[in-house]
């Protein structure tokens, strides 16, 4: 990947993590800590921390652009996407089916019901599902690309004399 491509990808991931951080902070400032049950608050705080770490890692990659930073960026953004998807799944399940309001404190259920619409529930669930599918496609692509690189630098007789681009040499 070219230097420009790396910086573009890092910037897009930084913006995505920033958007998730903004949404999480909006929930916290909107009273989610008082409304949600303890384990959902812990999940929310974990996502907040992961979003912040993702912004730092993606920002460092955008500035430095070292190839060895790619692994950290992929791992952190994977954690962010999965945490966000789990939190959205809890939100969607808490609005539907037999688990209505299982994620909300009993005293806050009446107030919480007035803070969301069905359009928001559908939108959040759809976007989260799309992000998980995109993550799986990317991880499959990345695994295949890594395997192809390994095959190029591995020969039956041993080292072919080529230096891996991600090596220290």
Protein backbone atom coordinates (compact mmCIF):
# COMPACT_ATOMS: atom_id res chain seq x y z
CA UNK A 1 0.00 0.00 0.00
CA UNK A 2 1.32 3.43 -0.85
CA UNK A 3 2.10 6.02 1.81
CA UNK A 4 -0.89 8.08 0.66
CA UNK A 5 -3.15 5.02 0.87
CA UNK A 6 -1.94 4.26 4.40
CA UNK A 7 -2.57 7.81 5.55
CA UNK A 8 -5.99 7.85 3.93
CA UNK A 9 -6.98 4.58 5.59
CA UNK A 10 -5.60 5.71 8.94
CA UNK A 11 -7.51 8.98 8.67
CA UNK A 12 -10.76 7.20 7.80
CA UNK A 13 -10.34 4.81 10.74
CA UNK A 14 -9.54 7.79 12.98
CA UNK A 15 -12.73 9.54 11.86
CA UNK A 16 -14.77 6.36 12.41
CA UNK A 17 -13.38 5.92 15.92
CA UNK A 18 -14.03 9.60 16.57
CA UNK A 19 -17.65 9.24 15.51
CA UNK A 20 -18.13 6.25 17.83
CA UNK A 21 -16.40 8.17 20.63
CA UNK A 22 -18.74 11.12 20.05
CA UNK A 23 -21.82 8.87 20.16
CA UNK A 24 -20.61 7.19 23.34
CA UNK A 25 -19.92 10.55 25.00
CA UNK A 26 -23.36 11.76 23.89
CA UNK A 27 -24.92 8.74 25.61
CA UNK A 28 -22.93 9.37 28.79
CA UNK A 29 -23.83 13.07 28.84
CA UNK A 30 -27.46 12.17 28.09
CA UNK A 31 -27.75 10.27 31.35
CA UNK A 32 -26.95 6.71 30.30
CA UNK A 33 -24.95 6.11 33.48
CA UNK A 34 -28.07 6.73 35.58
CA UNK A 35 -30.45 4.92 33.23
CA UNK A 36 -28.66 1.70 32.25
CA UNK A 37 -27.95 -1.29 34.48
CA UNK A 38 -24.39 -1.75 35.76
CA UNK A 39 -23.16 -4.34 33.25
CA UNK A 40 -24.33 -2.22 30.31
CA UNK A 41 -22.58 0.81 31.83
CA UNK A 42 -19.37 -1.26 32.03
CA UNK A 43 -19.81 -2.22 28.36
CA UNK A 44 -20.34 1.45 27.51
CA UNK A 45 -17.19 2.48 29.38
CA UNK A 46 -15.17 -0.29 27.71
CA UNK A 47 -16.31 1.02 24.34
CA UNK A 48 -15.39 4.57 25.37
CA UNK A 49 -11.87 3.47 26.32
CA UNK A 50 -11.46 1.35 23.17
CA UNK A 51 -12.61 4.27 20.98
CA UNK A 52 -10.02 6.54 22.58
CA UNK A 53 -7.26 3.96 22.13
CA UNK A 54 -8.29 3.44 18.49
CA UNK A 55 -8.08 7.16 17.83
CA UNK A 56 -4.57 7.31 19.33
CA UNK A 57 -3.35 4.23 17.42
CA UNK A 58 -4.87 5.36 14.10
CA UNK A 59 -3.51 8.88 14.61
CA UNK A 60 -0.03 7.51 15.29
CA UNK A 61 -0.24 5.37 12.16
CA UNK A 62 -1.40 8.35 10.08
CA UNK A 63 1.55 10.41 11.31
CA UNK A 64 4.26 7.73 11.46
CA UNK A 65 3.07 5.35 8.77
CA UNK A 66 5.34 2.50 9.87
CA UNK A 67 4.27 -0.92 8.52
CA UNK A 68 4.63 -2.59 11.93
CA UNK A 69 1.82 -0.37 13.25
CA UNK A 70 -0.71 -2.02 10.95
CA UNK A 71 -1.16 -5.04 13.23
CA UNK A 72 -2.03 -2.81 16.22
CA UNK A 73 -4.45 -0.76 14.12
CA UNK A 74 -6.24 -3.87 12.86
CA UNK A 75 -6.51 -5.37 16.34
CA UNK A 76 -7.78 -2.19 18.00
CA UNK A 77 -10.33 -1.41 15.29
CA UNK A 78 -11.54 -5.02 15.42
CA UNK A 79 -12.10 -4.68 19.17
CA UNK A 80 -13.93 -1.37 18.65
CA UNK A 81 -16.24 -2.81 15.98
CA UNK A 82 -17.04 -5.91 18.04
CA UNK A 83 -17.66 -3.93 21.26
CA UNK A 84 -19.90 -1.50 19.41
CA UNK A 85 -21.81 -4.34 17.75
CA UNK A 86 -22.38 -6.02 21.12
CA UNK A 87 -23.59 -2.76 22.65
CA UNK A 88 -25.97 -2.15 19.74
CA UNK A 89 -27.20 -5.74 19.98
CA UNK A 90 -27.99 -5.15 23.66
CA UNK A 91 -29.82 -1.93 22.70
CA UNK A 92 -31.87 -3.63 19.98
CA UNK A 93 -32.72 -6.67 22.12
CA UNK A 94 -33.69 -4.34 24.95
CA UNK A 95 -36.34 -2.73 22.75
CA UNK A 96 -37.88 -5.90 21.30
CA UNK A 97 -39.02 -9.39 22.10
CA UNK A 98 -39.19 -11.01 25.50
CA UNK A 99 -36.24 -8.95 26.78
CA UNK A 100 -37.87 -5.51 26.66
CA UNK A 101 -35.96 -3.10 28.92
CA UNK A 102 -33.65 -5.76 30.38
CA UNK A 103 -30.79 -3.26 29.96
CA UNK A 104 -32.54 -0.37 31.74
CA UNK A 105 -32.99 0.18 35.48
CA UNK A 106 -36.63 -0.37 36.52
CA UNK A 107 -36.98 3.18 37.87
CA UNK A 108 -35.82 4.71 34.57
CA UNK A 109 -37.88 2.63 32.12
CA UNK A 110 -40.65 5.18 31.56
CA UNK A 111 -38.19 7.98 30.86
CA UNK A 112 -35.98 5.78 28.68
CA UNK A 113 -38.88 4.67 26.46
CA UNK A 114 -39.37 8.29 25.36
CA UNK A 115 -35.73 8.78 24.32
CA UNK A 116 -35.63 6.54 21.22
CA UNK A 117 -37.68 5.82 18.08
CA UNK A 118 -38.07 2.64 16.04
CA UNK A 119 -36.21 4.30 13.19
CA UNK A 120 -33.19 4.72 15.46
CA UNK A 121 -33.39 1.07 16.52
CA UNK A 122 -33.53 -0.16 12.91
CA UNK A 123 -30.76 2.23 11.82
CA UNK A 124 -28.45 1.25 14.68
CA UNK A 125 -29.00 -2.47 14.12
CA UNK A 126 -28.53 -2.23 10.36
CA UNK A 127 -25.37 -0.13 10.53
CA UNK A 128 -23.89 -2.39 13.19
CA UNK A 129 -24.62 -5.50 11.11
CA UNK A 130 -23.02 -3.86 8.06
CA UNK A 131 -19.92 -2.97 10.08
CA UNK A 132 -19.54 -6.55 11.36
CA UNK A 133 -19.91 -7.96 7.82
CA UNK A 134 -17.38 -5.42 6.52
CA UNK A 135 -15.00 -6.39 9.32
CA UNK A 136 -15.29 -10.09 8.45
CA UNK A 137 -14.69 -9.38 4.74
CA UNK A 138 -11.65 -7.26 5.60
CA UNK A 139 -10.20 -9.87 7.97
CA UNK A 140 -10.61 -12.60 5.33
CA UNK A 141 -8.93 -10.36 2.75
CA UNK A 142 -6.12 -9.54 5.18
CA UNK A 143 -5.54 -13.21 6.04
CA UNK A 144 -5.38 -14.13 2.33
CA UNK A 145 -3.00 -11.26 1.60
CA UNK A 146 -0.72 -12.30 4.48
CA UNK A 147 -0.71 -15.91 3.25
CA UNK A 148 0.23 -14.79 -0.27
CA UNK A 149 3.14 -12.75 1.10
CA UNK A 150 4.30 -15.70 3.19
CA UNK A 151 4.22 -17.96 0.12
CA UNK A 152 6.35 -15.49 -1.86
CA UNK A 153 9.08 -15.39 0.78
CA UNK A 154 9.04 -19.11 1.61
CA UNK A 155 10.83 -21.55 -0.68
CA UNK A 156 11.26 -25.35 -0.43
CA UNK A 157 15.05 -25.01 -0.18
CA UNK A 158 14.96 -22.37 2.53
CA UNK A 159 15.45 -18.65 2.27
CA UNK A 160 15.24 -17.29 -1.27
CA UNK A 161 17.30 -14.23 -0.41
CA UNK A 162 14.40 -11.80 -0.41
CA UNK A 163 13.87 -9.53 2.58
CA UNK A 164 10.33 -9.27 3.86
CA UNK A 165 9.04 -5.68 3.77
CA UNK A 166 7.92 -5.95 7.39
CA UNK A 167 11.22 -7.34 8.68
CA UNK A 168 13.78 -5.41 10.72
CA UNK A 169 16.54 -5.81 8.10
